[in-house]
Amino acid sequence: MMRKNVLFFSDFGIDDFVAVIFAFFSEEINIVGIVADYGNVSRDDAVEMQLTFVN
């Protein structure tokens, strides 16, 4: 099966973080990049959540 390339644009609240974890372990999704922005969470929290996933 061909994997679908996905670029995440998110504010990285807990729901978005769970979606990225799901995608990371999925055999159908290829994460090509992650863009952390902030919306209903603070910029610092969004960056911290994204760095937690990357590291």
PDB file of N, CA and C in Angstrom:
ATOM      1  N   MET A   1       0.845  -1.180   0.000  1.00  0.00           N
ATOM      2  CA  MET A   1       0.000   0.000   0.000  1.00  0.00           C
ATOM      3  C   MET A   1       0.891   1.244   0.000  1.00  0.00           C
ATOM      4  N   MET A   2       0.516   2.215  -0.783  1.00  0.00           N
ATOM      5  CA  MET A   2       1.274   3.462  -0.851  1.00  0.00           C
ATOM      6  C   MET A   2       0.911   4.360   0.340  1.00  0.00           C
ATOM      7  N   ARG A   3       1.927   4.902   0.975  1.00  0.00           N
ATOM      8  CA  ARG A   3       1.700   5.773   2.133  1.00  0.00           C
ATOM      9  C   ARG A   3       1.354   7.179   1.663  1.00  0.00           C
ATOM     10  N   LYS A   4       0.435   7.829   2.354  1.00  0.00           N
ATOM     11  CA  LYS A   4       0.022   9.184   2.033  1.00  0.00           C
ATOM     12  C   LYS A   4       0.919  10.171   2.769  1.00  0.00           C
ATOM     13  N   ASN A   5       1.502  11.123   2.036  1.00  0.00           N
ATOM     14  CA  ASN A   5       2.337  12.157   2.648  1.00  0.00           C
ATOM     15  C   ASN A   5       1.462  13.189   3.344  1.00  0.00           C
ATOM     16  N   VAL A   6       1.820  13.524   4.587  1.00  0.00           N
ATOM     17  CA  VAL A   6       1.037  14.469   5.384  1.00  0.00           C
ATOM     18  C   VAL A   6       1.963  15.507   5.999  1.00  0.00           C
ATOM     19  N   LEU A   7       1.578  16.766   5.868  1.00  0.00           N
ATOM     20  CA  LEU A   7       2.261  17.880   6.529  1.00  0.00           C
ATOM     21  C   LEU A   7       1.298  18.417   7.578  1.00  0.00           C
ATOM     22  N   PHE A   8       1.695  18.355   8.846  1.00  0.00           N
ATOM     23  CA  PHE A   8       0.841  18.797   9.948  1.00  0.00           C
ATOM     24  C   PHE A   8       1.018  20.288  10.200  1.00  0.00           C
ATOM     25  N   PHE A   9      -0.088  21.027  10.212  1.00  0.00           N
ATOM     26  CA  PHE A   9      -0.141  22.412  10.681  1.00  0.00           C
ATOM     27  C   PHE A   9      -1.048  22.380  11.895  1.00  0.00           C
ATOM     28  N   SER A  10      -0.534  22.748  13.054  1.00  0.00           N
ATOM     29  CA  SER A  10      -1.319  22.572  14.260  1.00  0.00           C
ATOM     30  C   SER A  10      -0.887  23.518  15.365  1.00  0.00           C
ATOM     31  N   ASP A  11      -1.787  23.705  16.345  1.00  0.00           N
ATOM     32  CA  ASP A  11      -1.440  24.473  17.538  1.00  0.00           C
ATOM     33  C   ASP A  11      -0.918  23.553  18.640  1.00  0.00           C
ATOM     34  N   PHE A  12      -0.950  22.269  18.396  1.00  0.00           N
ATOM     35  CA  PHE A  12      -0.419  21.231  19.272  1.00  0.00           C
ATOM     36  C   PHE A  12      -0.951  21.268  20.688  1.00  0.00           C
ATOM     37  N   GLY A  13      -2.276  21.324  20.754  1.00  0.00           N
ATOM     38  CA  GLY A  13      -2.943  20.987  21.999  1.00  0.00           C
ATOM     39  C   GLY A  13      -2.910  19.467  22.101  1.00  0.00           C
ATOM     40  N   ILE A  14      -3.495  18.925  23.118  1.00  0.00           N
ATOM     41  CA  ILE A  14      -3.417  17.488  23.362  1.00  0.00           C
ATOM     42  C   ILE A  14      -4.057  16.686  22.236  1.00  0.00           C
ATOM     43  N   ASP A  15      -5.157  17.177  21.659  1.00  0.00           N
ATOM     44  CA  ASP A  15      -5.816  16.427  20.582  1.00  0.00           C
ATOM     45  C   ASP A  15      -4.930  16.340  19.340  1.00  0.00           C
ATOM     46  N   ASP A  16      -4.236  17.417  19.016  1.00  0.00           N
ATOM     47  CA  ASP A  16      -3.338  17.402  17.860  1.00  0.00           C
ATOM     48  C   ASP A  16      -2.123  16.519  18.116  1.00  0.00           C
ATOM     49  N   PHE A  17      -1.643  16.536  19.331  1.00  0.00           N
ATOM     50  CA  PHE A  17      -0.503  15.704  19.700  1.00  0.00           C
ATOM     51  C   PHE A  17      -0.855  14.221  19.546  1.00  0.00           C
ATOM     52  N   VAL A  18      -2.052  13.850  19.973  1.00  0.00           N
ATOM     53  CA  VAL A  18      -2.496  12.460  19.836  1.00  0.00           C
ATOM     54  C   VAL A  18      -2.620  12.095  18.354  1.00  0.00           C
ATOM     55  N   ALA A  19      -3.101  13.012  17.527  1.00  0.00           N
ATOM     56  CA  ALA A  19      -3.220  12.753  16.087  1.00  0.00           C
ATOM     57  C   ALA A  19      -1.855  12.500  15.459  1.00  0.00           C
ATOM     58  N   VAL A  20      -0.850  13.259  15.857  1.00  0.00           N
ATOM     59  CA  VAL A  20       0.495  13.066  15.323  1.00  0.00           C
ATOM     60  C   VAL A  20       1.062  11.720  15.773  1.00  0.00           C
ATOM     61  N   ILE A  21       0.837  11.356  17.007  1.00  0.00           N
ATOM     62  CA  ILE A  21       1.307  10.053  17.492  1.00  0.00           C
ATOM     63  C   ILE A  21       0.638   8.930  16.695  1.00  0.00           C
ATOM     64  N   PHE A  22      -0.658   9.054  16.470  1.00  0.00           N
ATOM     65  CA  PHE A  22      -1.375   8.059  15.677  1.00  0.00           C
ATOM     66  C   PHE A  22      -0.777   7.966  14.276  1.00  0.00           C
ATOM     67  N   ALA A  23      -0.550   9.115  13.649  1.00  0.00           N
ATOM     68  CA  ALA A  23       0.013   9.141  12.298  1.00  0.00           C
ATOM     69  C   ALA A  23       1.418   8.554  12.277  1.00  0.00           C
ATOM     70  N   PHE A  24       2.204   8.841  13.296  1.00  0.00           N
ATOM     71  CA  PHE A  24       3.580   8.349  13.367  1.00  0.00           C
ATOM     72  C   PHE A  24       3.633   6.823  13.339  1.00  0.00           C
ATOM     73  N   PHE A  25       2.701   6.177  14.007  1.00  0.00           N
ATOM     74  CA  PHE A  25       2.693   4.725  14.077  1.00  0.00           C
ATOM     75  C   PHE A  25       1.833   4.064  12.994  1.00  0.00           C
ATOM     76  N   SER A  26       1.180   4.872  12.163  1.00  0.00           N
ATOM     77  CA  SER A  26       0.342   4.339  11.098  1.00  0.00           C
ATOM     78  C   SER A  26       1.193   3.899   9.910  1.00  0.00           C
ATOM     79  N   GLU A  27       0.818   2.789   9.310  1.00  0.00           N
ATOM     80  CA  GLU A  27       1.503   2.318   8.103  1.00  0.00           C
ATOM     81  C   GLU A  27       0.961   2.995   6.851  1.00  0.00           C
ATOM     82  N   GLU A  28      -0.097   3.802   6.981  1.00  0.00           N
ATOM     83  CA  GLU A  28      -0.725   4.458   5.844  1.00  0.00           C
ATOM     84  C   GLU A  28      -0.305   5.916   5.701  1.00  0.00           C
ATOM     85  N   ILE A  29       0.395   6.470   6.694  1.00  0.00           N
ATOM     86  CA  ILE A  29       0.721   7.893   6.709  1.00  0.00           C
ATOM     87  C   ILE A  29       2.221   8.093   6.803  1.00  0.00           C
ATOM     88  N   ASN A  30       2.748   8.993   5.980  1.00  0.00           N
ATOM     89  CA  ASN A  30       4.148   9.389   6.015  1.00  0.00           C
ATOM     90  C   ASN A  30       4.192  10.867   6.404  1.00  0.00           C
ATOM     91  N   ILE A  31       4.690  11.163   7.601  1.00  0.00           N
ATOM     92  CA  ILE A  31       4.776  12.555   8.059  1.00  0.00           C
ATOM     93  C   ILE A  31       5.964  13.213   7.377  1.00  0.00           C
ATOM     94  N   VAL A  32       5.682  14.234   6.551  1.00  0.00           N
ATOM     95  CA  VAL A  32       6.764  14.923   5.838  1.00  0.00           C
ATOM     96  C   VAL A  32       7.216  16.177   6.571  1.00  0.00           C
ATOM     97  N   GLY A  33       6.420  16.642   7.527  1.00  0.00           N
ATOM     98  CA  GLY A  33       6.817  17.803   8.311  1.00  0.00           C
ATOM     99  C   GLY A  33       5.769  18.168   9.336  1.00  0.00           C
ATOM    100  N   ILE A  34       6.196  18.971  10.299  1.00  0.00           N
ATOM    101  CA  ILE A  34       5.307  19.443  11.358  1.00  0.00           C
ATOM    102  C   ILE A  34       5.535  20.933  11.536  1.00  0.00           C
ATOM    103  N   VAL A  35       4.450  21.700  11.469  1.00  0.00           N
ATOM    104  CA  VAL A  35       4.517  23.144  11.676  1.00  0.00           C
ATOM    105  C   VAL A  35       3.729  23.450  12.943  1.00  0.00           C
ATOM    106  N   ALA A  36       4.423  23.937  13.970  1.00  0.00           N
ATOM    107  CA  ALA A  36       3.766  24.259  15.238  1.00  0.00           C
ATOM    108  C   ALA A  36       3.407  25.737  15.248  1.00  0.00           C
ATOM    109  N   ASP A  37       2.157  26.001  15.471  1.00  0.00           N
ATOM    110  CA  ASP A  37       1.643  27.356  15.599  1.00  0.00           C
ATOM    111  C   ASP A  37       0.895  27.402  16.923  1.00  0.00           C
ATOM    112  N   TYR A  38       0.307  28.497  17.228  1.00  0.00           N
ATOM    113  CA  TYR A  38      -0.474  28.529  18.452  1.00  0.00           C
ATOM    114  C   TYR A  38      -1.829  29.140  18.175  1.00  0.00           C
ATOM    115  N   GLY A  39      -2.824  28.575  18.791  1.00  0.00           N
ATOM    116  CA  GLY A  39      -4.203  29.020  18.625  1.00  0.00           C
ATOM    117  C   GLY A  39      -4.816  29.131  20.000  1.00  0.00           C
ATOM    118  N   ASN A  40      -5.461  28.042  20.447  1.00  0.00           N
ATOM    119  CA  ASN A  40      -6.083  28.068  21.764  1.00  0.00           C
ATOM    120  C   ASN A  40      -5.134  27.593  22.863  1.00  0.00           C
ATOM    121  N   VAL A  41      -3.863  27.377  22.506  1.00  0.00           N
ATOM    122  CA  VAL A  41      -2.829  27.122  23.509  1.00  0.00           C
ATOM    123  C   VAL A  41      -1.741  28.173  23.332  1.00  0.00           C
ATOM    124  N   SER A  42      -0.953  28.398  24.350  1.00  0.00           N
ATOM    125  CA  SER A  42       0.086  29.419  24.253  1.00  0.00           C
ATOM    126  C   SER A  42       1.189  28.974  23.301  1.00  0.00           C
ATOM    127  N   ARG A  43       1.920  29.917  22.784  1.00  0.00           N
ATOM    128  CA  ARG A  43       3.033  29.615  21.873  1.00  0.00           C
ATOM    129  C   ARG A  43       4.042  28.704  22.556  1.00  0.00           C
ATOM    130  N   ASP A  44       4.368  28.989  23.800  1.00  0.00           N
ATOM    131  CA  ASP A  44       5.346  28.174  24.526  1.00  0.00           C
ATOM    132  C   ASP A  44       4.875  26.733  24.688  1.00  0.00           C
ATOM    133  N   ASP A  45       3.582  26.544  25.001  1.00  0.00           N
ATOM    134  CA  ASP A  45       3.048  25.185  25.129  1.00  0.00           C
ATOM    135  C   ASP A  45       3.072  24.448  23.788  1.00  0.00           C
ATOM    136  N   ALA A  46       2.737  25.146  22.708  1.00  0.00           N
ATOM    137  CA  ALA A  46       2.753  24.530  21.372  1.00  0.00           C
ATOM    138  C   ALA A  46       4.162  24.081  21.005  1.00  0.00           C
ATOM    139  N   VAL A  47       5.146  24.918  21.251  1.00  0.00           N
ATOM    140  CA  VAL A  47       6.533  24.572  20.934  1.00  0.00           C
ATOM    141  C   VAL A  47       7.005  23.419  21.815  1.00  0.00           C
ATOM    142  N   GLU A  48       6.659  23.450  23.099  1.00  0.00           N
ATOM    143  CA  GLU A  48       7.076  22.380  24.013  1.00  0.00           C
ATOM    144  C   GLU A  48       6.505  21.032  23.590  1.00  0.00           C
ATOM    145  N   MET A  49       5.223  20.993  23.204  1.00  0.00           N
ATOM    146  CA  MET A  49       4.601  19.746  22.767  1.00  0.00           C
ATOM    147  C   MET A  49       5.266  19.236  21.493  1.00  0.00           C
ATOM    148  N   GLN A  50       5.560  20.125  20.565  1.00  0.00           N
ATOM    149  CA  GLN A  50       6.193  19.723  19.306  1.00  0.00           C
ATOM    150  C   GLN A  50       7.593  19.198  19.557  1.00  0.00           C
ATOM    151  N   LEU A  51       8.352  19.855  20.423  1.00  0.00           N
ATOM    152  CA  LEU A  51       9.713  19.406  20.740  1.00  0.00           C
ATOM    153  C   LEU A  51       9.706  18.077  21.475  1.00  0.00           C
ATOM    154  N   THR A  52       8.696  17.835  22.272  1.00  0.00           N
ATOM    155  CA  THR A  52       8.577  16.559  22.968  1.00  0.00           C
ATOM    156  C   THR A  52       8.442  15.425  21.963  1.00  0.00           C
ATOM    157  N   PHE A  53       7.675  15.659  20.898  1.00  0.00           N
ATOM    158  CA  PHE A  53       7.483  14.641  19.877  1.00  0.00           C
ATOM    159  C   PHE A  53       8.746  14.425  19.067  1.00  0.00           C
ATOM    160  N   VAL A  54       9.440  15.494  18.693  1.00  0.00           N
ATOM    161  CA  VAL A  54      10.626  15.406  17.839  1.00  0.00           C
ATOM    162  C   VAL A  54      11.790  14.771  18.571  1.00  0.00           C
ATOM    163  N   ASN A  55      11.988  15.140  19.836  1.00  0.00           N
ATOM    164  CA  ASN A  55      13.119  14.607  20.584  1.00  0.00           C
ATOM    165  C   ASN A  55      12.739  13.277  21.123  1.00  0.00           C
TER     166      ASN A  55
END
